[in-house]
């Protein structure tokens, strides 16, 4: 996986859709996994650039259409989680020096 795009990871689309649902649930109820997702988008004006009319015509790109008909292209995202550590960090807690450095600090 190192050196590859996350979007090329098997199951990426499904995992991302699930994370977006979790983020929306937390935003509206403040219950469940404390996950926030921020998506950066740009509007795509058909008159300016000859983009296809659907994502099916241009695989890999994610569009959404807003109420006024403007098409938005997702260009980036950031995930923020509260009280969470990535598995590759958490798996190292058996190392005394790492655990000693983190213990006693907020959230650990």
PDB file of N, CA and C in Angstrom:
ATOM      1  N   UNK A   1       0.817  -1.191   0.000  1.00  0.00           N
ATOM      2  CA  UNK A   1       0.000   0.000   0.000  1.00  0.00           C
ATOM      3  C   UNK A   1       0.864   1.259   0.000  1.00  0.00           C
ATOM      4  N   UNK A   2       2.027   1.212   0.628  1.00  0.00           N
ATOM      5  CA  UNK A   2       2.885   2.395   0.655  1.00  0.00           C
ATOM      6  C   UNK A   2       3.236   2.796  -0.767  1.00  0.00           C
ATOM      7  N   UNK A   3       3.128   4.073  -1.051  1.00  0.00           N
ATOM      8  CA  UNK A   3       3.444   4.568  -2.379  1.00  0.00           C
ATOM      9  C   UNK A   3       2.280   4.510  -3.346  1.00  0.00           C
ATOM     10  N   UNK A   4       1.137   4.025  -2.880  1.00  0.00           N
ATOM     11  CA  UNK A   4      -0.059   3.948  -3.726  1.00  0.00           C
ATOM     12  C   UNK A   4      -1.107   4.933  -3.226  1.00  0.00           C
ATOM     13  N   UNK A   5      -1.973   5.345  -4.118  1.00  0.00           N
ATOM     14  CA  UNK A   5      -3.066   6.227  -3.737  1.00  0.00           C
ATOM     15  C   UNK A   5      -4.053   5.474  -2.852  1.00  0.00           C
ATOM     16  N   UNK A   6      -4.572   6.135  -1.805  1.00  0.00           N
ATOM     17  CA  UNK A   6      -5.591   5.506  -0.976  1.00  0.00           C
ATOM     18  C   UNK A   6      -6.799   5.119  -1.818  1.00  0.00           C
ATOM     19  N   UNK A   7      -7.105   5.933  -2.817  1.00  0.00           N
ATOM     20  CA  UNK A   7      -8.277   5.662  -3.651  1.00  0.00           C
ATOM     21  C   UNK A   7      -8.122   4.381  -4.470  1.00  0.00           C
ATOM     22  N   UNK A   8      -6.916   3.840  -4.554  1.00  0.00           N
ATOM     23  CA  UNK A   8      -6.688   2.589  -5.275  1.00  0.00           C
ATOM     24  C   UNK A   8      -6.795   1.371  -4.361  1.00  0.00           C
ATOM     25  N   UNK A   9      -6.926   1.616  -3.053  1.00  0.00           N
ATOM     26  CA  UNK A   9      -7.025   0.529  -2.091  1.00  0.00           C
ATOM     27  C   UNK A   9      -8.355  -0.197  -2.267  1.00  0.00           C
ATOM     28  N   UNK A  10      -8.329  -1.513  -2.209  1.00  0.00           N
ATOM     29  CA  UNK A  10      -9.557  -2.296  -2.345  1.00  0.00           C
ATOM     30  C   UNK A  10     -10.531  -1.910  -1.232  1.00  0.00           C
ATOM     31  N   UNK A  11     -11.761  -1.627  -1.599  1.00  0.00           N
ATOM     32  CA  UNK A  11     -12.785  -1.261  -0.629  1.00  0.00           C
ATOM     33  C   UNK A  11     -12.796   0.203  -0.236  1.00  0.00           C
ATOM     34  N   UNK A  12     -11.951   1.016  -0.869  1.00  0.00           N
ATOM     35  CA  UNK A  12     -11.843   2.432  -0.504  1.00  0.00           C
ATOM     36  C   UNK A  12     -13.174   3.164  -0.615  1.00  0.00           C
ATOM     37  N   UNK A  13     -13.873   2.981  -1.717  1.00  0.00           N
ATOM     38  CA  UNK A  13     -15.131   3.702  -1.940  1.00  0.00           C
ATOM     39  C   UNK A  13     -16.148   3.327  -0.867  1.00  0.00           C
ATOM     40  N   UNK A  14     -16.278   2.035  -0.576  1.00  0.00           N
ATOM     41  CA  UNK A  14     -17.236   1.580   0.429  1.00  0.00           C
ATOM     42  C   UNK A  14     -16.868   2.092   1.820  1.00  0.00           C
ATOM     43  N   UNK A  15     -15.589   2.018   2.183  1.00  0.00           N
ATOM     44  CA  UNK A  15     -15.142   2.512   3.485  1.00  0.00           C
ATOM     45  C   UNK A  15     -15.378   4.008   3.616  1.00  0.00           C
ATOM     46  N   UNK A  16     -15.102   4.741   2.553  1.00  0.00           N
ATOM     47  CA  UNK A  16     -15.283   6.188   2.578  1.00  0.00           C
ATOM     48  C   UNK A  16     -16.758   6.542   2.723  1.00  0.00           C
ATOM     49  N   UNK A  17     -17.625   5.858   1.990  1.00  0.00           N
ATOM     50  CA  UNK A  17     -19.068   6.107   2.109  1.00  0.00           C
ATOM     51  C   UNK A  17     -19.540   5.824   3.533  1.00  0.00           C
ATOM     52  N   UNK A  18     -19.034   4.750   4.139  1.00  0.00           N
ATOM     53  CA  UNK A  18     -19.386   4.418   5.520  1.00  0.00           C
ATOM     54  C   UNK A  18     -18.884   5.500   6.476  1.00  0.00           C
ATOM     55  N   UNK A  19     -17.660   5.979   6.266  1.00  0.00           N
ATOM     56  CA  UNK A  19     -17.113   7.042   7.116  1.00  0.00           C
ATOM     57  C   UNK A  19     -17.918   8.332   6.993  1.00  0.00           C
ATOM     58  N   UNK A  20     -18.376   8.657   5.792  1.00  0.00           N
ATOM     59  CA  UNK A  20     -19.195   9.861   5.599  1.00  0.00           C
ATOM     60  C   UNK A  20     -20.500   9.729   6.383  1.00  0.00           C
ATOM     61  N   UNK A  21     -21.108   8.546   6.365  1.00  0.00           N
ATOM     62  CA  UNK A  21     -22.339   8.323   7.138  1.00  0.00           C
ATOM     63  C   UNK A  21     -22.071   8.490   8.633  1.00  0.00           C
ATOM     64  N   UNK A  22     -20.948   7.939   9.120  1.00  0.00           N
ATOM     65  CA  UNK A  22     -20.595   8.075  10.534  1.00  0.00           C
ATOM     66  C   UNK A  22     -20.373   9.538  10.894  1.00  0.00           C
ATOM     67  N   UNK A  23     -19.697  10.262  10.022  1.00  0.00           N
ATOM     68  CA  UNK A  23     -19.432  11.678  10.262  1.00  0.00           C
ATOM     69  C   UNK A  23     -20.732  12.470  10.343  1.00  0.00           C
ATOM     70  N   UNK A  24     -21.641  12.215   9.424  1.00  0.00           N
ATOM     71  CA  UNK A  24     -22.927  12.921   9.415  1.00  0.00           C
ATOM     72  C   UNK A  24     -23.738  12.571  10.659  1.00  0.00           C
ATOM     73  N   UNK A  25     -23.726  11.298  11.064  1.00  0.00           N
ATOM     74  CA  UNK A  25     -24.441  10.889  12.271  1.00  0.00           C
ATOM     75  C   UNK A  25     -23.868  11.594  13.495  1.00  0.00           C
ATOM     76  N   UNK A  26     -22.548  11.666  13.591  1.00  0.00           N
ATOM     77  CA  UNK A  26     -21.926  12.342  14.733  1.00  0.00           C
ATOM     78  C   UNK A  26     -22.229  13.838  14.707  1.00  0.00           C
ATOM     79  N   UNK A  27     -22.214  14.434  13.522  1.00  0.00           N
ATOM     80  CA  UNK A  27     -22.489  15.867  13.404  1.00  0.00           C
ATOM     81  C   UNK A  27     -23.901  16.200  13.877  1.00  0.00           C
ATOM     82  N   UNK A  28     -24.850  15.352  13.544  1.00  0.00           N
ATOM     83  CA  UNK A  28     -26.243  15.657  13.869  1.00  0.00           C
ATOM     84  C   UNK A  28     -26.664  15.210  15.261  1.00  0.00           C
ATOM     85  N   UNK A  29     -25.994  14.188  15.830  1.00  0.00           N
ATOM     86  CA  UNK A  29     -26.427  13.653  17.127  1.00  0.00           C
ATOM     87  C   UNK A  29     -25.363  13.745  18.216  1.00  0.00           C
ATOM     88  N   UNK A  30     -24.110  13.958  17.831  1.00  0.00           N
ATOM     89  CA  UNK A  30     -22.965  13.914  18.746  1.00  0.00           C
ATOM     90  C   UNK A  30     -22.870  12.565  19.456  1.00  0.00           C
ATOM     91  N   UNK A  31     -23.357  11.526  18.797  1.00  0.00           N
ATOM     92  CA  UNK A  31     -23.260  10.167  19.317  1.00  0.00           C
ATOM     93  C   UNK A  31     -22.510   9.306  18.312  1.00  0.00           C
ATOM     94  N   UNK A  32     -21.922   8.226  18.811  1.00  0.00           N
ATOM     95  CA  UNK A  32     -21.180   7.326  17.938  1.00  0.00           C
ATOM     96  C   UNK A  32     -19.720   7.738  17.843  1.00  0.00           C
ATOM     97  N   UNK A  33     -19.068   7.255  16.808  1.00  0.00           N
ATOM     98  CA  UNK A  33     -17.647   7.539  16.608  1.00  0.00           C
ATOM     99  C   UNK A  33     -17.438   9.024  16.315  1.00  0.00           C
ATOM    100  N   UNK A  34     -16.532   9.640  17.071  1.00  0.00           N
ATOM    101  CA  UNK A  34     -16.250  11.074  16.908  1.00  0.00           C
ATOM    102  C   UNK A  34     -15.388  11.280  15.670  1.00  0.00           C
ATOM    103  N   UNK A  35     -16.038  11.314  14.528  1.00  0.00           N
ATOM    104  CA  UNK A  35     -15.357  11.424  13.243  1.00  0.00           C
ATOM    105  C   UNK A  35     -15.921  12.614  12.486  1.00  0.00           C
ATOM    106  N   UNK A  36     -15.033  13.424  11.956  1.00  0.00           N
ATOM    107  CA  UNK A  36     -15.429  14.548  11.101  1.00  0.00           C
ATOM    108  C   UNK A  36     -14.719  14.397   9.771  1.00  0.00           C
ATOM    109  N   UNK A  37     -15.436  14.660   8.696  1.00  0.00           N
ATOM    110  CA  UNK A  37     -14.840  14.628   7.363  1.00  0.00           C
ATOM    111  C   UNK A  37     -15.113  15.962   6.695  1.00  0.00           C
ATOM    112  N   UNK A  38     -14.059  16.567   6.202  1.00  0.00           N
ATOM    113  CA  UNK A  38     -14.171  17.819   5.471  1.00  0.00           C
ATOM    114  C   UNK A  38     -13.804  17.531   4.017  1.00  0.00           C
ATOM    115  N   UNK A  39     -14.684  17.889   3.105  1.00  0.00           N
ATOM    116  CA  UNK A  39     -14.473  17.623   1.682  1.00  0.00           C
ATOM    117  C   UNK A  39     -14.267  18.948   0.959  1.00  0.00           C
ATOM    118  N   UNK A  40     -13.185  19.032   0.204  1.00  0.00           N
ATOM    119  CA  UNK A  40     -12.917  20.223  -0.616  1.00  0.00           C
ATOM    120  C   UNK A  40     -13.486  19.968  -2.006  1.00  0.00           C
ATOM    121  N   UNK A  41     -14.250  20.944  -2.499  1.00  0.00           N
ATOM    122  CA  UNK A  41     -14.876  20.805  -3.810  1.00  0.00           C
ATOM    123  C   UNK A  41     -14.646  22.064  -4.640  1.00  0.00           C
ATOM    124  N   UNK A  42     -14.696  21.886  -5.939  1.00  0.00           N
ATOM    125  CA  UNK A  42     -14.681  23.023  -6.868  1.00  0.00           C
ATOM    126  C   UNK A  42     -15.879  22.863  -7.791  1.00  0.00           C
ATOM    127  N   UNK A  43     -16.435  24.007  -8.202  1.00  0.00           N
ATOM    128  CA  UNK A  43     -17.556  23.902  -9.131  1.00  0.00           C
ATOM    129  C   UNK A  43     -17.022  23.733 -10.543  1.00  0.00           C
ATOM    130  N   UNK A  44     -17.716  22.915 -11.295  1.00  0.00           N
ATOM    131  CA  UNK A  44     -17.325  22.592 -12.659  1.00  0.00           C
ATOM    132  C   UNK A  44     -18.358  23.214 -13.586  1.00  0.00           C
ATOM    133  N   UNK A  45     -17.914  24.173 -14.359  1.00  0.00           N
ATOM    134  CA  UNK A  45     -18.823  24.842 -15.284  1.00  0.00           C
ATOM    135  C   UNK A  45     -18.656  24.224 -16.667  1.00  0.00           C
ATOM    136  N   UNK A  46     -19.693  23.579 -17.181  1.00  0.00           N
ATOM    137  CA  UNK A  46     -19.592  22.918 -18.488  1.00  0.00           C
ATOM    138  C   UNK A  46     -19.163  23.858 -19.612  1.00  0.00           C
ATOM    139  N   UNK A  47     -19.511  25.136 -19.523  1.00  0.00           N
ATOM    140  CA  UNK A  47     -19.154  26.080 -20.589  1.00  0.00           C
ATOM    141  C   UNK A  47     -17.655  26.347 -20.624  1.00  0.00           C
ATOM    142  N   UNK A  48     -16.988  26.203 -19.467  1.00  0.00           N
ATOM    143  CA  UNK A  48     -15.560  26.501 -19.377  1.00  0.00           C
ATOM    144  C   UNK A  48     -14.717  25.308 -19.800  1.00  0.00           C
ATOM    145  N   UNK A  49     -15.117  24.125 -19.375  1.00  0.00           N
ATOM    146  CA  UNK A  49     -14.340  22.920 -19.676  1.00  0.00           C
ATOM    147  C   UNK A  49     -15.283  21.827 -20.158  1.00  0.00           C
ATOM    148  N   UNK A  50     -14.890  21.092 -21.168  1.00  0.00           N
ATOM    149  CA  UNK A  50     -15.765  20.050 -21.723  1.00  0.00           C
ATOM    150  C   UNK A  50     -15.758  18.778 -20.881  1.00  0.00           C
ATOM    151  N   UNK A  51     -16.244  18.866 -19.637  1.00  0.00           N
ATOM    152  CA  UNK A  51     -16.299  17.695 -18.770  1.00  0.00           C
ATOM    153  C   UNK A  51     -17.490  16.831 -19.151  1.00  0.00           C
ATOM    154  N   UNK A  52     -17.389  15.540 -18.900  1.00  0.00           N
ATOM    155  CA  UNK A  52     -18.527  14.660 -19.169  1.00  0.00           C
ATOM    156  C   UNK A  52     -19.696  15.007 -18.242  1.00  0.00           C
ATOM    157  N   UNK A  53     -20.878  14.590 -18.631  1.00  0.00           N
ATOM    158  CA  UNK A  53     -22.073  14.918 -17.860  1.00  0.00           C
ATOM    159  C   UNK A  53     -22.321  13.986 -16.690  1.00  0.00           C
ATOM    160  N   UNK A  54     -21.597  12.894 -16.600  1.00  0.00           N
ATOM    161  CA  UNK A  54     -21.777  11.990 -15.473  1.00  0.00           C
ATOM    162  C   UNK A  54     -20.439  11.386 -15.090  1.00  0.00           C
ATOM    163  N   UNK A  55     -20.377  10.929 -13.828  1.00  0.00           N
ATOM    164  CA  UNK A  55     -19.150  10.290 -13.352  1.00  0.00           C
ATOM    165  C   UNK A  55     -18.862   9.020 -14.143  1.00  0.00           C
ATOM    166  N   UNK A  56     -19.905   8.378 -14.672  1.00  0.00           N
ATOM    167  CA  UNK A  56     -19.707   7.155 -15.455  1.00  0.00           C
ATOM    168  C   UNK A  56     -18.896   7.438 -16.713  1.00  0.00           C
ATOM    169  N   UNK A  57     -18.989   8.666 -17.235  1.00  0.00           N
ATOM    170  CA  UNK A  57     -18.248   9.024 -18.439  1.00  0.00           C
ATOM    171  C   UNK A  57     -16.791   9.365 -18.129  1.00  0.00           C
ATOM    172  N   UNK A  58     -16.490   9.569 -16.873  1.00  0.00           N
ATOM    173  CA  UNK A  58     -15.123   9.893 -16.452  1.00  0.00           C
ATOM    174  C   UNK A  58     -14.849   9.156 -15.142  1.00  0.00           C
ATOM    175  N   UNK A  59     -14.568   7.848 -15.197  1.00  0.00           N
ATOM    176  CA  UNK A  59     -14.404   7.039 -13.992  1.00  0.00           C
ATOM    177  C   UNK A  59     -13.325   7.595 -13.068  1.00  0.00           C
ATOM    178  N   UNK A  60     -13.563   7.458 -11.768  1.00  0.00           N
ATOM    179  CA  UNK A  60     -12.595   7.887 -10.773  1.00  0.00           C
ATOM    180  C   UNK A  60     -12.853   9.268 -10.223  1.00  0.00           C
ATOM    181  N   UNK A  61     -13.632  10.079 -10.920  1.00  0.00           N
ATOM    182  CA  UNK A  61     -13.951  11.412 -10.422  1.00  0.00           C
ATOM    183  C   UNK A  61     -15.290  11.368  -9.695  1.00  0.00           C
ATOM    184  N   UNK A  62     -15.392  12.131  -8.608  1.00  0.00           N
ATOM    185  CA  UNK A  62     -16.611  12.149  -7.800  1.00  0.00           C
ATOM    186  C   UNK A  62     -17.287  13.503  -7.942  1.00  0.00           C
ATOM    187  N   UNK A  63     -18.475  13.500  -8.487  1.00  0.00           N
ATOM    188  CA  UNK A  63     -19.259  14.719  -8.665  1.00  0.00           C
ATOM    189  C   UNK A  63     -20.507  14.661  -7.792  1.00  0.00           C
ATOM    190  N   UNK A  64     -21.025  15.811  -7.455  1.00  0.00           N
ATOM    191  CA  UNK A  64     -22.375  15.909  -6.911  1.00  0.00           C
ATOM    192  C   UNK A  64     -23.000  17.145  -7.530  1.00  0.00           C
ATOM    193  N   UNK A  65     -24.303  17.133  -7.649  1.00  0.00           N
ATOM    194  CA  UNK A  65     -25.012  18.263  -8.238  1.00  0.00           C
ATOM    195  C   UNK A  65     -25.820  18.945  -7.141  1.00  0.00           C
ATOM    196  N   UNK A  66     -25.632  20.253  -6.982  1.00  0.00           N
ATOM    197  CA  UNK A  66     -26.366  21.008  -5.964  1.00  0.00           C
ATOM    198  C   UNK A  66     -27.718  21.437  -6.525  1.00  0.00           C
ATOM    199  N   UNK A  67     -28.557  21.978  -5.652  1.00  0.00           N
ATOM    200  CA  UNK A  67     -29.934  22.312  -6.030  1.00  0.00           C
ATOM    201  C   UNK A  67     -30.044  23.217  -7.250  1.00  0.00           C
ATOM    202  N   UNK A  68     -29.085  24.128  -7.432  1.00  0.00           N
ATOM    203  CA  UNK A  68     -29.181  25.051  -8.577  1.00  0.00           C
ATOM    204  C   UNK A  68     -28.607  24.460  -9.867  1.00  0.00           C
ATOM    205  N   UNK A  69     -28.214  23.177  -9.821  1.00  0.00           N
ATOM    206  CA  UNK A  69     -27.697  22.505 -11.007  1.00  0.00           C
ATOM    207  C   UNK A  69     -26.189  22.560 -11.156  1.00  0.00           C
ATOM    208  N   UNK A  70     -25.504  23.294 -10.289  1.00  0.00           N
ATOM    209  CA  UNK A  70     -24.046  23.373 -10.347  1.00  0.00           C
ATOM    210  C   UNK A  70     -23.453  22.015  -9.998  1.00  0.00           C
ATOM    211  N   UNK A  71     -22.485  21.587 -10.812  1.00  0.00           N
ATOM    212  CA  UNK A  71     -21.791  20.331 -10.527  1.00  0.00           C
ATOM    213  C   UNK A  71     -20.541  20.630  -9.725  1.00  0.00           C
ATOM    214  N   UNK A  72     -20.363  19.870  -8.638  1.00  0.00           N
ATOM    215  CA  UNK A  72     -19.215  20.030  -7.765  1.00  0.00           C
ATOM    216  C   UNK A  72     -18.325  18.796  -7.900  1.00  0.00           C
ATOM    217  N   UNK A  73     -17.031  19.038  -8.045  1.00  0.00           N
ATOM    218  CA  UNK A  73     -16.048  17.966  -8.164  1.00  0.00           C
ATOM    219  C   UNK A  73     -15.260  17.894  -6.866  1.00  0.00           C
ATOM    220  N   UNK A  74     -15.250  16.728  -6.220  1.00  0.00           N
ATOM    221  CA  UNK A  74     -14.467  16.531  -4.997  1.00  0.00           C
ATOM    222  C   UNK A  74     -12.991  16.488  -5.364  1.00  0.00           C
ATOM    223  N   UNK A  75     -12.192  17.332  -4.712  1.00  0.00           N
ATOM    224  CA  UNK A  75     -10.762  17.393  -5.023  1.00  0.00           C
ATOM    225  C   UNK A  75      -9.881  17.027  -3.833  1.00  0.00           C
ATOM    226  N   UNK A  76     -10.477  16.828  -2.666  1.00  0.00           N
ATOM    227  CA  UNK A  76      -9.688  16.458  -1.502  1.00  0.00           C
ATOM    228  C   UNK A  76     -10.576  16.245  -0.295  1.00  0.00           C
ATOM    229  N   UNK A  77     -10.024  15.586   0.722  1.00  0.00           N
ATOM    230  CA  UNK A  77     -10.773  15.352   1.952  1.00  0.00           C
ATOM    231  C   UNK A  77      -9.805  15.222   3.116  1.00  0.00           C
ATOM    232  N   UNK A  78     -10.286  15.595   4.292  1.00  0.00           N
ATOM    233  CA  UNK A  78      -9.510  15.442   5.521  1.00  0.00           C
ATOM    234  C   UNK A  78     -10.395  14.751   6.551  1.00  0.00           C
ATOM    235  N   UNK A  79      -9.844  13.767   7.229  1.00  0.00           N
ATOM    236  CA  UNK A  79     -10.555  13.032   8.265  1.00  0.00           C
ATOM    237  C   UNK A  79      -9.978  13.451   9.609  1.00  0.00           C
ATOM    238  N   UNK A  80     -10.845  13.760  10.552  1.00  0.00           N
ATOM    239  CA  UNK A  80     -10.411  14.118  11.905  1.00  0.00           C
ATOM    240  C   UNK A  80     -11.177  13.229  12.873  1.00  0.00           C
ATOM    241  N   UNK A  81     -10.445  12.534  13.750  1.00  0.00           N
ATOM    242  CA  UNK A  81     -11.066  11.650  14.738  1.00  0.00           C
ATOM    243  C   UNK A  81     -10.614  12.076  16.130  1.00  0.00           C
ATOM    244  N   UNK A  82     -11.544  12.030  17.080  1.00  0.00           N
ATOM    245  CA  UNK A  82     -11.214  12.299  18.476  1.00  0.00           C
ATOM    246  C   UNK A  82     -10.877  10.987  19.173  1.00  0.00           C
ATOM    247  N   UNK A  83      -9.891  11.029  20.072  1.00  0.00           N
ATOM    248  CA  UNK A  83      -9.518   9.869  20.888  1.00  0.00           C
ATOM    249  C   UNK A  83      -9.272   8.619  20.052  1.00  0.00           C
ATOM    250  N   UNK A  84      -8.441   8.738  19.048  1.00  0.00           N
ATOM    251  CA  UNK A  84      -8.175   7.630  18.133  1.00  0.00           C
ATOM    252  C   UNK A  84      -6.709   7.637  17.747  1.00  0.00           C
ATOM    253  N   UNK A  85      -6.144   6.465  17.632  1.00  0.00           N
ATOM    254  CA  UNK A  85      -4.778   6.309  17.139  1.00  0.00           C
ATOM    255  C   UNK A  85      -4.787   5.340  15.971  1.00  0.00           C
ATOM    256  N   UNK A  86      -3.967   5.597  14.959  1.00  0.00           N
ATOM    257  CA  UNK A  86      -3.869   4.641  13.856  1.00  0.00           C
ATOM    258  C   UNK A  86      -3.321   3.310  14.364  1.00  0.00           C
ATOM    259  N   UNK A  87      -3.748   2.237  13.727  1.00  0.00           N
ATOM    260  CA  UNK A  87      -3.318   0.906  14.133  1.00  0.00           C
ATOM    261  C   UNK A  87      -1.813   0.737  14.159  1.00  0.00           C
ATOM    262  N   UNK A  88      -1.096   1.366  13.205  1.00  0.00           N
ATOM    263  CA  UNK A  88       0.359   1.194  13.167  1.00  0.00           C
ATOM    264  C   UNK A  88       1.038   1.886  14.349  1.00  0.00           C
ATOM    265  N   UNK A  89       0.386   2.868  14.972  1.00  0.00           N
ATOM    266  CA  UNK A  89       0.928   3.503  16.182  1.00  0.00           C
ATOM    267  C   UNK A  89       0.526   2.685  17.401  1.00  0.00           C
ATOM    268  N   UNK A  90      -0.753   2.349  17.473  1.00  0.00           N
ATOM    269  CA  UNK A  90      -1.259   1.594  18.613  1.00  0.00           C
ATOM    270  C   UNK A  90      -0.558   0.244  18.757  1.00  0.00           C
ATOM    271  N   UNK A  91      -0.186  -0.368  17.640  1.00  0.00           N
ATOM    272  CA  UNK A  91       0.478  -1.672  17.695  1.00  0.00           C
ATOM    273  C   UNK A  91       1.870  -1.591  18.312  1.00  0.00           C
ATOM    274  N   UNK A  92       2.403  -0.398  18.475  1.00  0.00           N
ATOM    275  CA  UNK A  92       3.741  -0.231  19.051  1.00  0.00           C
ATOM    276  C   UNK A  92       3.704   0.065  20.551  1.00  0.00           C
ATOM    277  N   UNK A  93       2.516   0.050  21.170  1.00  0.00           N
ATOM    278  CA  UNK A  93       2.414   0.389  22.585  1.00  0.00           C
ATOM    279  C   UNK A  93       3.124  -0.613  23.490  1.00  0.00           C
ATOM    280  N   UNK A  94       3.481  -1.776  22.954  1.00  0.00           N
ATOM    281  CA  UNK A  94       4.237  -2.733  23.758  1.00  0.00           C
ATOM    282  C   UNK A  94       5.682  -2.259  23.959  1.00  0.00           C
ATOM    283  N   UNK A  95       6.126  -1.300  23.175  1.00  0.00           N
ATOM    284  CA  UNK A  95       7.484  -0.761  23.311  1.00  0.00           C
ATOM    285  C   UNK A  95       7.467   0.223  24.479  1.00  0.00           C
ATOM    286  N   UNK A  96       8.234  -0.096  25.533  1.00  0.00           N
ATOM    287  CA  UNK A  96       8.199   0.695  26.764  1.00  0.00           C
ATOM    288  C   UNK A  96       8.461   2.177  26.541  1.00  0.00           C
ATOM    289  N   UNK A  97       9.425   2.517  25.712  1.00  0.00           N
ATOM    290  CA  UNK A  97       9.776   3.930  25.509  1.00  0.00           C
ATOM    291  C   UNK A  97       8.613   4.708  24.879  1.00  0.00           C
ATOM    292  N   UNK A  98       7.908   4.091  23.964  1.00  0.00           N
ATOM    293  CA  UNK A  98       6.769   4.761  23.321  1.00  0.00           C
ATOM    294  C   UNK A  98       5.635   4.929  24.317  1.00  0.00           C
ATOM    295  N   UNK A  99       5.311   3.851  25.042  1.00  0.00           N
ATOM    296  CA  UNK A  99       4.230   3.918  26.020  1.00  0.00           C
ATOM    297  C   UNK A  99       4.549   4.941  27.103  1.00  0.00           C
ATOM    298  N   UNK A 100       5.779   4.957  27.594  1.00  0.00           N
ATOM    299  CA  UNK A 100       6.177   5.906  28.635  1.00  0.00           C
ATOM    300  C   UNK A 100       6.063   7.346  28.143  1.00  0.00           C
ATOM    301  N   UNK A 101       6.383   7.586  26.897  1.00  0.00           N
ATOM    302  CA  UNK A 101       6.297   8.939  26.334  1.00  0.00           C
ATOM    303  C   UNK A 101       4.852   9.418  26.256  1.00  0.00           C
ATOM    304  N   UNK A 102       3.924   8.515  25.948  1.00  0.00           N
ATOM    305  CA  UNK A 102       2.521   8.900  25.762  1.00  0.00           C
ATOM    306  C   UNK A 102       1.696   8.883  27.042  1.00  0.00           C
ATOM    307  N   UNK A 103       2.021   8.012  27.985  1.00  0.00           N
ATOM    308  CA  UNK A 103       1.216   7.897  29.198  1.00  0.00           C
ATOM    309  C   UNK A 103       1.214   9.207  29.970  1.00  0.00           C
ATOM    310  N   UNK A 104       0.058   9.532  30.473  1.00  0.00           N
ATOM    311  CA  UNK A 104      -0.077  10.759  31.257  1.00  0.00           C
ATOM    312  C   UNK A 104      -0.376  11.985  30.425  1.00  0.00           C
ATOM    313  N   UNK A 105      -0.306  11.867  29.132  1.00  0.00           N
ATOM    314  CA  UNK A 105      -0.634  13.000  28.267  1.00  0.00           C
ATOM    315  C   UNK A 105      -2.116  12.930  27.920  1.00  0.00           C
ATOM    316  N   UNK A 106      -2.712  14.058  27.677  1.00  0.00           N
ATOM    317  CA  UNK A 106      -4.152  14.126  27.404  1.00  0.00           C
ATOM    318  C   UNK A 106      -4.556  13.125  26.330  1.00  0.00           C
ATOM    319  N   UNK A 107      -5.571  12.317  26.652  1.00  0.00           N
ATOM    320  CA  UNK A 107      -6.102  11.378  25.676  1.00  0.00           C
ATOM    321  C   UNK A 107      -5.418  10.025  25.643  1.00  0.00           C
ATOM    322  N   UNK A 108      -4.387   9.807  26.462  1.00  0.00           N
ATOM    323  CA  UNK A 108      -3.705   8.513  26.424  1.00  0.00           C
ATOM    324  C   UNK A 108      -3.776   7.843  27.760  1.00  0.00           C
TER     325      UNK A 108
END
